[in-house]
N, C-alpha and C. Protein backbone atom coordinates (compact mmCIF):
# COMPACT_ATOMS: atom_id res chain seq x y z
N UNK A 1 0.91 -1.17 0.17
CA UNK A 1 0.08 0.02 0.01
C UNK A 1 0.74 1.50 0.03
N UNK A 2 1.92 1.23 0.48
CA UNK A 2 2.61 2.27 1.02
C UNK A 2 3.89 1.84 1.24
N UNK A 3 5.31 2.49 0.59
CA UNK A 3 6.65 2.26 0.68
C UNK A 3 7.27 3.73 0.86
N UNK A 4 8.18 3.77 2.29
CA UNK A 4 8.90 5.06 2.13
C UNK A 4 9.98 4.46 1.94
N UNK A 5 11.08 5.92 1.48
CA UNK A 5 12.51 5.33 1.05
C UNK A 5 13.72 6.82 1.12
N UNK A 6 13.94 6.42 2.33
CA UNK A 6 15.04 7.99 2.51
C UNK A 6 14.19 9.21 2.20
N UNK A 7 13.27 9.18 3.05
CA UNK A 7 12.60 10.72 2.84
C UNK A 7 13.01 11.56 3.71
N UNK A 8 13.60 12.66 3.28
CA UNK A 8 13.99 14.00 3.92
C UNK A 8 13.45 15.46 3.31
N UNK A 9 12.58 16.08 4.33
CA UNK A 9 12.53 17.27 4.13
C UNK A 9 12.85 18.19 4.86
N UNK A 10 13.18 19.26 3.64
CA UNK A 10 14.20 20.32 4.58
C UNK A 10 13.44 21.72 4.04
N UNK A 11 13.43 22.67 4.54
CA UNK A 11 12.58 23.93 4.45
C UNK A 11 13.74 24.91 5.08
N UNK A 12 13.89 26.18 4.15
CA UNK A 12 15.00 27.10 4.41
C UNK A 12 16.44 26.49 4.88
N UNK A 13 16.73 25.28 4.77
CA UNK A 13 18.04 24.85 5.64
C UNK A 13 17.96 24.07 6.84
N UNK A 14 16.37 23.94 7.29
CA UNK A 14 16.33 22.78 8.39
C UNK A 14 15.88 21.69 7.87
N UNK A 15 16.50 20.43 8.44
CA UNK A 15 15.62 19.32 8.46
C UNK A 15 14.23 19.45 9.27
N UNK A 16 13.37 18.77 8.67
CA UNK A 16 12.22 18.50 9.22
C UNK A 16 11.79 17.39 9.63
N UNK A 17 11.98 16.75 8.87
CA UNK A 17 11.47 14.89 8.76
C UNK A 17 12.80 14.02 8.22
N UNK A 18 12.91 12.95 8.52
CA UNK A 18 13.96 12.39 8.35
C UNK A 18 13.54 10.64 8.38
N UNK A 19 13.38 10.11 7.00
CA UNK A 19 12.74 8.41 7.55
C UNK A 19 13.28 7.52 6.77
N UNK A 20 14.13 6.36 7.17
CA UNK A 20 15.30 5.70 6.51
C UNK A 20 14.47 5.10 5.27
N UNK A 21 13.34 3.89 6.45
CA UNK A 21 12.57 3.32 5.54
C UNK A 21 10.84 3.01 6.25
N UNK A 22 10.02 2.79 5.49
CA UNK A 22 8.38 2.68 6.08
C UNK A 22 7.68 2.23 5.17
N UNK A 23 7.27 1.13 5.71
CA UNK A 23 6.69 -0.10 5.12
C UNK A 23 5.02 -0.29 5.07
N UNK A 24 3.80 0.42 5.22
CA UNK A 24 2.47 -0.03 5.51
C UNK A 24 1.71 -0.43 4.59
N UNK A 25 0.89 -1.52 5.15
CA UNK A 25 0.06 -2.66 3.83
C UNK A 25 -1.32 -2.80 4.63
N UNK A 26 -2.31 -2.74 3.58
CA UNK A 26 -3.72 -2.83 4.09
C UNK A 26 -3.92 -3.25 5.14
N UNK A 27 -5.01 -2.34 6.12
CA UNK A 27 -5.48 -2.89 7.43
C UNK A 27 -4.38 -2.85 8.89
N UNK A 28 -3.05 -2.00 8.30
CA UNK A 28 -2.19 -1.94 9.65
C UNK A 28 -2.48 -0.57 10.41
N UNK A 29 -1.77 -0.66 11.72
CA UNK A 29 -2.33 0.21 12.52
C UNK A 29 -0.87 0.69 12.81
N UNK A 30 -0.36 1.67 13.03
CA UNK A 30 0.66 2.46 13.22
C UNK A 30 0.73 3.77 13.98
N UNK A 31 1.12 3.48 15.24
CA UNK A 31 1.77 4.92 15.94
C UNK A 31 2.69 5.44 15.98
N UNK A 32 3.07 6.57 15.36
CA UNK A 32 4.07 7.37 15.27
C UNK A 32 4.56 8.71 16.36
N UNK A 33 5.66 7.88 16.84
CA UNK A 33 5.66 8.53 17.70
C UNK A 33 7.20 9.50 17.83
N UNK A 34 7.01 9.93 18.99
CA UNK A 34 8.44 10.85 18.90
C UNK A 34 8.24 12.77 19.89
N UNK A 35 9.31 13.39 20.10
CA UNK A 35 9.29 14.63 21.17
C UNK A 35 8.95 15.59 19.67
N UNK A 36 8.38 16.64 20.41
CA UNK A 36 8.20 17.83 19.06
C UNK A 36 9.11 18.25 18.42
N UNK A 37 8.75 18.37 16.96
CA UNK A 37 9.83 18.86 16.61
C UNK A 37 10.35 17.32 15.60
N UNK A 38 9.66 16.23 16.07
CA UNK A 38 10.38 15.07 15.32
C UNK A 38 10.43 15.00 13.86
N UNK A 39 8.99 15.66 13.40
CA UNK A 39 8.57 15.48 12.11
C UNK A 39 7.45 14.64 12.02
N UNK A 40 6.72 14.58 12.68
CA UNK A 40 5.42 13.34 12.59
C UNK A 40 4.52 13.92 11.76
N UNK A 41 3.82 15.37 12.07
CA UNK A 41 2.67 16.01 11.19
C UNK A 41 3.49 15.76 9.94
N UNK A 42 4.67 16.53 9.88
CA UNK A 42 5.18 16.33 8.23
C UNK A 42 5.42 15.16 7.67
N UNK A 43 5.84 14.74 7.81
CA UNK A 43 5.30 12.51 7.83
C UNK A 43 4.04 12.20 6.90
N UNK A 44 3.17 13.02 8.29
CA UNK A 44 2.00 12.49 7.62
C UNK A 44 0.93 13.58 6.17
N UNK A 45 1.99 14.71 6.41
CA UNK A 45 0.82 15.60 5.32
C UNK A 45 2.25 14.95 3.90
N UNK A 46 3.37 14.31 4.20
CA UNK A 46 4.13 13.89 3.06
C UNK A 46 3.03 12.63 2.02
N UNK A 47 2.52 11.86 3.00
CA UNK A 47 1.96 10.33 2.95
C UNK A 47 0.45 11.22 2.59
N UNK A 48 -0.15 11.81 2.66
CA UNK A 48 -1.29 12.50 2.39
C UNK A 48 -1.36 13.18 1.01
N UNK A 49 0.06 13.49 0.98
CA UNK A 49 -0.05 14.15 -1.00
C UNK A 49 0.27 15.77 -0.73
N UNK A 50 -0.05 16.55 0.63
CA UNK A 50 -0.14 17.94 0.91
C UNK A 50 1.58 18.30 1.11
N UNK A 51 2.15 17.83 1.73
CA UNK A 51 3.49 18.57 1.16
C UNK A 51 4.43 17.73 0.26
N UNK A 52 4.96 18.62 -1.12
CA UNK A 52 5.38 18.51 -2.03
C UNK A 52 7.08 17.97 -2.21
N UNK A 53 7.11 19.14 -1.63
CA UNK A 53 8.93 19.37 -1.55
C UNK A 53 9.50 18.74 -0.64
N UNK A 54 10.48 17.05 -1.13
CA UNK A 54 11.11 16.67 -0.92
C UNK A 54 11.85 15.86 -1.23
N UNK A 55 13.09 14.97 -0.78
CA UNK A 55 13.48 14.12 -1.45
C UNK A 55 13.67 13.07 -0.73
N UNK A 56 13.83 11.58 -1.87
CA UNK A 56 13.73 10.26 -1.07
C UNK A 56 12.50 9.53 -2.46
N UNK A 57 12.07 8.56 -2.19
CA UNK A 57 10.86 7.71 -2.68
C UNK A 57 9.59 7.95 -1.64
N UNK A 58 8.45 8.06 -2.43
CA UNK A 58 7.25 7.61 -1.85
C UNK A 58 6.00 7.08 -2.49
N UNK A 59 5.77 5.36 -2.21
CA UNK A 59 5.45 5.02 -3.31
C UNK A 59 3.83 4.51 -3.32
N UNK A 60 3.07 4.50 -3.61
CA UNK A 60 1.51 4.16 -3.56
C UNK A 60 0.84 3.80 -4.74
N UNK A 61 0.18 3.27 -4.49
CA UNK A 61 -1.24 2.99 -5.60
C UNK A 61 -2.42 3.69 -4.82
N UNK A 62 -2.61 4.24 -3.86
CA UNK A 62 -3.79 5.09 -3.55
C UNK A 62 -3.67 6.37 -4.22
N UNK A 63 -4.91 6.17 -4.33
CA UNK A 63 -5.48 8.18 -5.11
C UNK A 63 -5.65 8.71 -3.72
N UNK A 64 -5.48 10.25 -4.42
CA UNK A 64 -5.87 11.12 -3.02
C UNK A 64 -6.54 11.15 -2.08
N UNK A 65 -8.11 11.02 -3.16
CA UNK A 65 -8.94 10.66 -2.53
C UNK A 65 -9.23 9.56 -1.56
N UNK A 66 -8.50 8.57 -1.15
CA UNK A 66 -8.00 7.25 -0.66
C UNK A 66 -7.68 7.50 0.28
N UNK A 67 -6.69 8.61 1.04
CA UNK A 67 -5.89 9.24 2.10
C UNK A 67 -6.89 10.11 2.45
N UNK A 68 -6.74 9.91 3.52
CA UNK A 68 -7.29 11.23 4.42
C UNK A 68 -6.20 11.57 6.03
N UNK A 69 -6.23 12.97 5.65
CA UNK A 69 -5.37 13.62 7.04
C UNK A 69 -6.22 14.17 7.80
N UNK A 70 -6.71 13.88 9.17
CA UNK A 70 -6.83 14.67 9.70
C UNK A 70 -6.07 15.57 10.83
N UNK A 71 -5.90 17.39 10.39
CA UNK A 71 -5.24 17.74 11.22
C UNK A 71 -5.49 18.13 12.85
N UNK A 72 -4.12 18.04 13.74
CA UNK A 72 -4.11 17.66 15.00
C UNK A 72 -5.17 19.16 15.33
N UNK A 73 -5.06 20.21 14.38
CA UNK A 73 -6.40 21.32 14.76
C UNK A 73 -7.04 21.75 13.88
N UNK A 74 -7.91 20.79 13.91
CA UNK A 74 -9.27 20.58 12.71
C UNK A 74 -10.11 21.69 12.19
N UNK A 75 -10.11 22.37 11.27
CA UNK A 75 -10.89 23.47 10.59
C UNK A 75 -12.29 22.91 10.27
N UNK A 76 -12.94 23.26 11.02
CA UNK A 76 -14.38 23.41 10.54
C UNK A 76 -15.15 24.16 9.57
N UNK A 77 -16.17 23.60 8.26
CA UNK A 77 -16.96 24.51 7.79
C UNK A 77 -17.74 25.39 8.01
N UNK A 78 -18.30 26.58 7.35
CA UNK A 78 -19.29 27.04 7.96
C UNK A 78 -20.86 26.24 7.49
N UNK A 79 -21.62 26.10 8.77
CA UNK A 79 -22.63 25.40 8.44
C UNK A 79 -22.58 25.04 9.64
N UNK A 80 -23.58 23.62 9.58
CA UNK A 80 -24.09 23.11 10.84
C UNK A 80 -22.91 21.40 10.70
N UNK A 81 -23.12 20.99 12.14
CA UNK A 81 -21.60 19.58 12.11
C UNK A 81 -22.79 19.16 11.18
N UNK A 82 -24.08 18.16 10.66
CA UNK A 82 -24.00 17.17 9.85
C UNK A 82 -23.69 17.64 8.35
N UNK A 83 -23.81 19.08 8.05
CA UNK A 83 -23.21 19.70 6.71
C UNK A 83 -21.63 18.82 6.75
N UNK A 84 -21.31 19.18 7.63
CA UNK A 84 -19.71 19.17 7.77
C UNK A 84 -19.14 17.39 7.28
N UNK A 85 -19.91 16.90 8.31
CA UNK A 85 -19.78 15.46 7.94
C UNK A 85 -20.48 15.47 6.37
N UNK A 86 -21.05 15.65 5.92
CA UNK A 86 -21.56 15.44 4.90
C UNK A 86 -20.95 15.75 3.32
N UNK A 87 -19.85 16.70 3.99
CA UNK A 87 -19.28 17.76 2.91
C UNK A 87 -18.71 15.94 1.76
N UNK A 88 -17.54 15.60 2.42
CA UNK A 88 -16.63 14.42 1.80
C UNK A 88 -18.08 13.35 0.60
N UNK A 89 -18.95 12.70 1.72
CA UNK A 89 -20.10 11.96 0.75
C UNK A 89 -20.50 12.81 -0.42
N UNK A 90 -20.89 13.95 -0.01
CA UNK A 90 -21.59 14.77 -1.49
C UNK A 90 -20.43 14.34 -2.34
N UNK A 91 -19.06 15.18 -1.78
CA UNK A 91 -18.34 15.38 -3.41
C UNK A 91 -17.90 14.12 -3.70
N UNK A 92 -18.46 13.17 -3.45
CA UNK A 92 -18.39 11.61 -4.30
C UNK A 92 -19.63 11.31 -5.01
N UNK A 93 -20.67 11.97 -4.93
CA UNK A 93 -21.77 11.74 -5.34
C UNK A 93 -22.76 10.55 -4.23
N UNK A 94 -22.81 11.16 -3.63
CA UNK A 94 -23.72 10.20 -2.77
C UNK A 94 -24.38 10.57 -2.57
N UNK A 95 -26.00 10.31 -2.57
CA UNK A 95 -27.56 11.07 -2.32
C UNK A 95 -27.69 12.06 -0.99
N UNK A 96 -28.23 12.33 -1.17
CA UNK A 96 -28.83 13.25 -0.15
C UNK A 96 -29.21 12.68 0.94
N UNK A 97 -30.21 11.26 0.65
CA UNK A 97 -30.68 10.71 1.99
C UNK A 97 -29.69 9.90 2.79
N UNK A 98 -28.86 9.07 1.28
CA UNK A 98 -27.88 8.48 2.15
C UNK A 98 -26.15 9.08 2.94
N UNK A 99 -26.51 10.54 2.43
CA UNK A 99 -25.89 11.52 3.10
C UNK A 99 -26.05 11.48 4.54
N UNK A 100 -27.31 11.73 4.78
CA UNK A 100 -28.30 12.26 6.11
C UNK A 100 -27.48 11.13 6.58
N UNK A 101 -28.28 10.07 6.04
CA UNK A 101 -28.66 8.84 6.85
C UNK A 101 -26.71 8.12 7.26
N UNK A 102 -25.56 8.09 6.99
CA UNK A 102 -24.62 8.13 6.86
C UNK A 102 -23.95 8.69 8.05
N UNK A 103 -24.06 10.58 7.66
CA UNK A 103 -23.52 11.26 8.92
C UNK A 103 -23.91 11.42 9.89
N UNK A 104 -24.99 10.90 10.29
CA UNK A 104 -25.84 11.12 11.62
C UNK A 104 -25.43 9.57 12.42
N UNK A 105 -25.29 8.71 11.17
CA UNK A 105 -24.94 7.15 11.88
C UNK A 105 -23.67 7.72 13.24
N UNK A 106 -22.48 7.89 11.88
CA UNK A 106 -21.04 8.42 12.21
C UNK A 106 -21.30 9.12 13.41
N UNK A 107 -21.71 10.31 13.17
CA UNK A 107 -22.28 11.17 14.65
C UNK A 107 -22.64 10.46 15.95
N UNK A 108 -23.46 9.72 15.38
CA UNK A 108 -23.96 8.74 16.76
C UNK A 108 -23.25 8.04 17.16
N UNK A 109 -22.46 7.54 16.60
CA UNK A 109 -21.09 6.21 16.96
C UNK A 109 -19.77 6.95 17.68
N UNK A 110 -19.69 8.10 17.68
CA UNK A 110 -18.51 9.08 17.80
C UNK A 110 -19.46 9.97 18.94
N UNK A 111 -20.30 9.41 19.39
CA UNK A 111 -21.20 9.86 20.69
C UNK A 111 -21.37 11.64 20.35
N UNK A 112 -21.71 11.93 19.20
CA UNK A 112 -22.31 13.23 19.64
C UNK A 112 -23.10 13.54 18.45
N UNK A 113 -24.03 12.80 18.40
CA UNK A 113 -25.45 12.94 17.48
C UNK A 113 -26.04 14.23 18.10
N UNK A 114 -26.19 14.50 19.05
CA UNK A 114 -26.62 15.55 19.28
C UNK A 114 -26.51 17.28 19.24
N UNK A 115 -25.24 16.76 18.49
CA UNK A 115 -24.74 18.19 17.85
C UNK A 115 -25.03 18.83 16.68
N UNK A 116 -25.42 17.42 16.04
CA UNK A 116 -26.10 17.40 14.69
C UNK A 116 -26.33 18.95 14.09
N UNK A 117 -26.71 19.50 14.66
CA UNK A 117 -28.01 21.18 13.90
C UNK A 117 -27.02 21.97 14.21
N UNK A 118 -25.90 21.67 15.42
CA UNK A 118 -24.88 22.74 15.34
C UNK A 118 -24.09 23.75 14.92
N UNK A 119 -23.62 25.13 15.43
CA UNK A 119 -22.92 25.69 14.13
C UNK A 119 -21.37 25.03 14.66
N UNK A 120 -20.68 24.14 13.43
CA UNK A 120 -19.89 23.51 13.56
C UNK A 120 -18.74 24.76 13.72
N UNK A 121 -18.62 25.38 13.59
CA UNK A 121 -17.76 26.70 14.39
C UNK A 121 -17.81 27.38 15.27
N UNK A 122 -18.85 26.88 16.51
CA UNK A 122 -18.70 27.26 17.33
C UNK A 122 -18.52 25.79 18.70
N UNK A 123 -18.06 24.83 17.83
CA UNK A 123 -18.03 23.98 18.66
C UNK A 123 -16.82 23.89 19.72
N UNK A 124 -16.63 22.93 20.81
CA UNK A 124 -15.33 23.10 22.02
C UNK A 124 -14.25 22.30 21.16
N UNK A 125 -13.26 22.62 21.89
CA UNK A 125 -11.72 21.46 20.98
C UNK A 125 -12.05 20.30 20.54
N UNK A 126 -12.53 19.66 21.98
CA UNK A 126 -12.88 18.17 21.58
C UNK A 126 -14.30 17.83 21.21
N UNK A 127 -15.06 18.60 20.67
CA UNK A 127 -16.05 18.27 19.76
C UNK A 127 -16.01 18.18 18.63
N UNK A 128 -15.15 19.45 18.14
CA UNK A 128 -14.51 19.39 16.62
C UNK A 128 -13.59 18.82 16.27
N UNK A 129 -12.70 18.49 17.33
CA UNK A 129 -12.00 16.99 16.95
C UNK A 129 -13.02 15.93 16.49
N UNK A 130 -13.98 15.33 17.45
CA UNK A 130 -15.18 14.36 16.87
C UNK A 130 -15.41 14.61 15.59
N UNK A 131 -16.24 15.30 15.52
CA UNK A 131 -16.84 15.79 14.24
C UNK A 131 -15.62 16.12 13.19
N UNK A 132 -14.30 16.26 13.55
CA UNK A 132 -13.25 15.77 11.93
C UNK A 132 -13.18 14.55 11.87
N UNK A 133 -12.91 13.82 12.34
CA UNK A 133 -13.02 12.64 12.55
C UNK A 133 -14.04 11.80 11.93
N UNK A 134 -15.27 12.21 12.66
CA UNK A 134 -16.39 11.99 11.95
C UNK A 134 -16.60 11.79 10.38
N UNK A 135 -16.30 13.12 10.60
CA UNK A 135 -16.03 13.93 8.53
C UNK A 135 -14.92 13.24 7.44
N UNK A 136 -14.00 12.52 8.26
CA UNK A 136 -13.08 11.70 7.27
C UNK A 136 -13.46 10.12 7.61
N UNK A 137 -14.02 9.67 8.30
CA UNK A 137 -13.94 8.15 8.77
C UNK A 137 -15.07 7.84 7.82
N UNK A 138 -16.33 9.05 7.72
CA UNK A 138 -17.50 8.72 6.87
C UNK A 138 -17.46 8.45 5.21
N UNK A 139 -16.18 8.84 5.01
CA UNK A 139 -15.93 8.13 3.84
C UNK A 139 -15.42 7.36 3.40
N UNK A 140 -14.82 6.33 4.35
CA UNK A 140 -14.43 5.09 4.36
C UNK A 140 -13.18 5.19 2.95
N UNK A 141 -12.00 5.91 3.81
CA UNK A 141 -10.69 6.06 2.96
C UNK A 141 -10.00 4.53 3.64
N UNK A 142 -9.34 4.21 2.45
CA UNK A 142 -8.22 3.19 2.42
C UNK A 142 -7.25 3.26 3.80
N UNK A 143 -6.59 5.12 3.78
CA UNK A 143 -5.69 5.07 4.44
C UNK A 143 -5.95 6.45 4.97
N UNK A 144 -6.44 6.04 6.64
CA UNK A 144 -6.76 6.97 7.61
C UNK A 144 -4.93 7.90 8.25
N UNK A 145 -4.92 9.35 8.22
CA UNK A 145 -4.45 9.73 8.84
C UNK A 145 -4.51 10.67 9.64
N UNK A 146 -3.86 10.25 11.28
CA UNK A 146 -4.98 11.23 12.23
C UNK A 146 -3.61 11.77 13.24
N UNK A 147 -3.33 13.58 12.94
CA UNK A 147 -2.55 13.70 13.72
C UNK A 147 -3.21 13.92 15.29
N UNK A 148 -2.51 13.60 16.41
CA UNK A 148 -2.89 13.55 17.95
C UNK A 148 -4.22 14.17 18.00
N UNK A 149 -5.01 12.58 17.77
CA UNK A 149 -6.65 12.51 17.48
C UNK A 149 -7.33 12.81 18.65
N UNK A 150 -6.53 11.86 20.29
CA UNK A 150 -6.63 11.86 21.01
C UNK A 150 -6.91 13.21 21.86
N UNK A 151 -6.32 14.13 21.66
CA UNK A 151 -5.93 15.05 22.44
C UNK A 151 -7.20 15.50 22.40
N UNK A 152 -7.27 16.78 23.91
CA UNK A 152 -8.74 17.36 24.55
C UNK A 152 -9.58 16.14 24.35
N UNK A 153 -9.77 15.11 24.28
CA UNK A 153 -10.68 14.32 24.17
C UNK A 153 -11.17 13.32 25.69
N UNK A 154 -12.62 13.12 26.36
CA UNK A 154 -12.48 13.10 27.74
C UNK A 154 -12.62 11.51 27.19
N UNK A 155 -13.03 11.27 28.38
CA UNK A 155 -12.56 9.21 28.70
C UNK A 155 -13.67 8.30 27.69
N UNK A 156 -14.84 9.32 28.03
CA UNK A 156 -15.72 9.05 26.67
C UNK A 156 -15.50 9.02 25.45
N UNK A 157 -14.84 10.39 25.06
CA UNK A 157 -15.36 10.92 23.58
C UNK A 157 -13.66 10.01 23.19
N UNK A 158 -12.57 9.41 24.10
CA UNK A 158 -11.52 8.44 23.82
C UNK A 158 -12.52 6.85 23.02
N UNK A 159 -13.02 6.53 24.37
CA UNK A 159 -13.53 5.41 23.88
C UNK A 159 -14.10 5.47 22.50
N UNK A 160 -15.17 6.45 22.45
CA UNK A 160 -16.03 5.84 21.45
C UNK A 160 -15.04 6.00 19.75
N UNK A 161 -13.81 6.82 20.24
CA UNK A 161 -13.53 7.22 19.19
C UNK A 161 -12.47 5.54 18.42
N UNK A 162 -11.73 5.25 19.48
CA UNK A 162 -11.13 3.88 19.72
C UNK A 162 -12.02 2.98 18.95
N UNK A 163 -13.56 2.44 19.38
CA UNK A 163 -14.10 1.63 19.05
C UNK A 163 -14.78 1.84 17.66
N UNK A 164 -14.68 2.70 17.22
CA UNK A 164 -14.89 3.31 15.72
C UNK A 164 -13.67 2.96 15.05
N UNK A 165 -12.59 3.09 14.93
CA UNK A 165 -11.23 2.58 14.47
C UNK A 165 -11.42 1.52 14.56
N UNK A 166 -11.73 0.65 15.67
CA UNK A 166 -11.19 -1.04 15.49
C UNK A 166 -11.86 -1.36 14.60
N UNK A 167 -13.24 -1.04 14.28
CA UNK A 167 -14.35 -1.68 13.25
C UNK A 167 -13.54 -0.94 11.90
N UNK A 168 -12.52 -0.09 11.67
CA UNK A 168 -12.66 0.13 10.23
C UNK A 168 -11.42 -1.12 9.50
N UNK A 169 -12.07 -1.10 8.47
CA UNK A 169 -10.82 -1.90 7.38
C UNK A 169 -9.92 -0.78 7.24
N UNK A 170 -9.62 0.41 7.35
CA UNK A 170 -8.89 1.12 6.59
C UNK A 170 -7.29 0.67 7.59
N UNK A 171 -6.00 1.36 6.39
CA UNK A 171 -5.07 1.67 7.04
C UNK A 171 -5.21 2.55 7.97
N UNK A 172 -4.52 2.47 9.47
CA UNK A 172 -4.23 3.93 10.42
C UNK A 172 -3.14 4.53 10.74
N UNK A 173 -2.70 5.18 10.59
CA UNK A 173 -1.57 5.83 10.86
C UNK A 173 -2.15 6.59 12.20
N UNK A 174 -1.29 7.24 13.33
CA UNK A 174 -1.64 7.95 14.20
C UNK A 174 -0.72 8.58 14.93
N UNK A 175 -0.62 9.94 14.20
CA UNK A 175 0.77 10.61 15.25
C UNK A 175 0.69 10.87 16.68
N UNK A 176 1.72 10.92 17.91
CA UNK A 176 1.08 10.66 18.98
C UNK A 176 2.98 10.97 19.26
N UNK A 177 3.12 12.09 20.49
CA UNK A 177 3.67 12.23 21.30
C UNK A 177 4.07 10.96 22.28
N UNK A 178 3.33 10.54 22.71
CA UNK A 178 3.58 9.39 23.99
C UNK A 178 2.84 7.94 23.39
N UNK A 179 2.10 8.25 22.06
CA UNK A 179 1.59 6.99 22.23
C UNK A 179 0.19 7.06 22.05
N UNK A 180 -0.56 5.75 21.27
CA UNK A 180 -1.74 5.99 21.57
C UNK A 180 -2.65 5.08 22.80
N UNK A 181 -3.78 5.51 23.48
CA UNK A 181 -3.92 4.74 24.28
C UNK A 181 -5.06 3.59 23.96
N UNK A 182 -4.37 2.29 23.72
CA UNK A 182 -4.54 0.64 23.55
C UNK A 182 -5.33 0.84 21.94
N UNK A 183 -3.99 2.29 20.77
CA UNK A 183 -4.91 1.63 19.76
C UNK A 183 -4.30 0.53 18.87
N UNK A 184 -5.68 -0.47 19.27
CA UNK A 184 -5.81 -1.20 17.74
C UNK A 184 -4.24 -2.33 18.02
N UNK A 185 -3.92 -2.44 19.24
CA UNK A 185 -2.35 -3.29 19.42
C UNK A 185 -1.67 -3.13 18.23
N UNK A 186 -1.81 -2.20 17.82
CA UNK A 186 -0.61 -1.10 16.63
C UNK A 186 0.72 -1.35 17.37
N UNK A 187 1.84 -1.09 15.65
CA UNK A 187 3.16 -1.54 16.06
C UNK A 187 3.27 0.47 16.48
N UNK A 188 4.40 0.40 16.60
CA UNK A 188 5.00 1.70 16.97
C UNK A 188 6.34 2.06 16.02
N UNK A 189 6.08 2.86 15.35
CA UNK A 189 7.22 3.46 14.49
C UNK A 189 7.55 5.04 15.70
N UNK A 190 9.18 4.99 15.89
CA UNK A 190 9.58 6.57 16.55
C UNK A 190 10.08 7.21 15.71
N UNK A 191 9.70 8.36 15.56
CA UNK A 191 10.97 8.92 14.77
C UNK A 191 11.51 10.53 15.48
N UNK A 192 13.30 10.49 15.63
CA UNK A 192 13.94 11.11 16.38
C UNK A 192 14.02 12.75 15.71
N UNK A 193 14.25 13.47 16.47
CA UNK A 193 13.87 15.08 16.19
C UNK A 193 15.30 14.99 15.65
N UNK A 194 15.34 15.88 14.03
CA UNK A 194 16.38 16.09 13.21
C UNK A 194 17.38 16.99 13.97
N UNK A 195 17.17 17.53 14.66
CA UNK A 195 17.96 18.63 15.36
C UNK A 195 18.61 18.01 16.06
N UNK A 196 18.79 16.66 16.79
CA UNK A 196 19.78 15.67 17.35
C UNK A 196 19.92 14.65 16.87
N UNK A 197 19.85 14.76 15.44
CA UNK A 197 20.07 13.54 14.68
C UNK A 197 21.93 13.35 14.09
N UNK A 198 22.73 12.64 15.02
CA UNK A 198 24.07 13.01 14.74
C UNK A 198 24.88 13.11 15.80
N UNK A 199 23.99 13.60 17.06
CA UNK A 199 24.11 13.76 18.53
C UNK A 199 24.77 12.00 19.48
């Protein structure tokens, strides 16, 4: 599904991320750990196709619309929570009735269906994170890239997110400085701070 070799991301003379080799197969669960500045977010952005300035090899047969990246500070579109979750479905030509059914079901599974008519731009940080996850997961991507998805979530939110992630056939990569809470018996891949490499 994904193979990375000799990845090197540098901006204005500063090394942001370096990965010798990384291989991800269908259905894999991988937690990417490392201290702040190690390049976790940069790695996810490269894989998502959002960061295109790099050297090395990134090989994948997945189209961009099969790779979904959820930012550590997700942005909500103007409109209701339900409209936000329906966005990706509508862009893929899903019927209006199916969009409504699938979006409400996903919100219910993430324990935030009560927010469906709320203004998405006025949510708390934890609510916004769960809605962003619902928006990403509902389109059933082949590769789900999550940047610190458990930050600002309470125990109920974490449990709901974990239950949904456990049910997915997608390959899942989670960036976390300390690791994920019992994420799917995932493998761990540690990045080291580029600034400290060679010390």
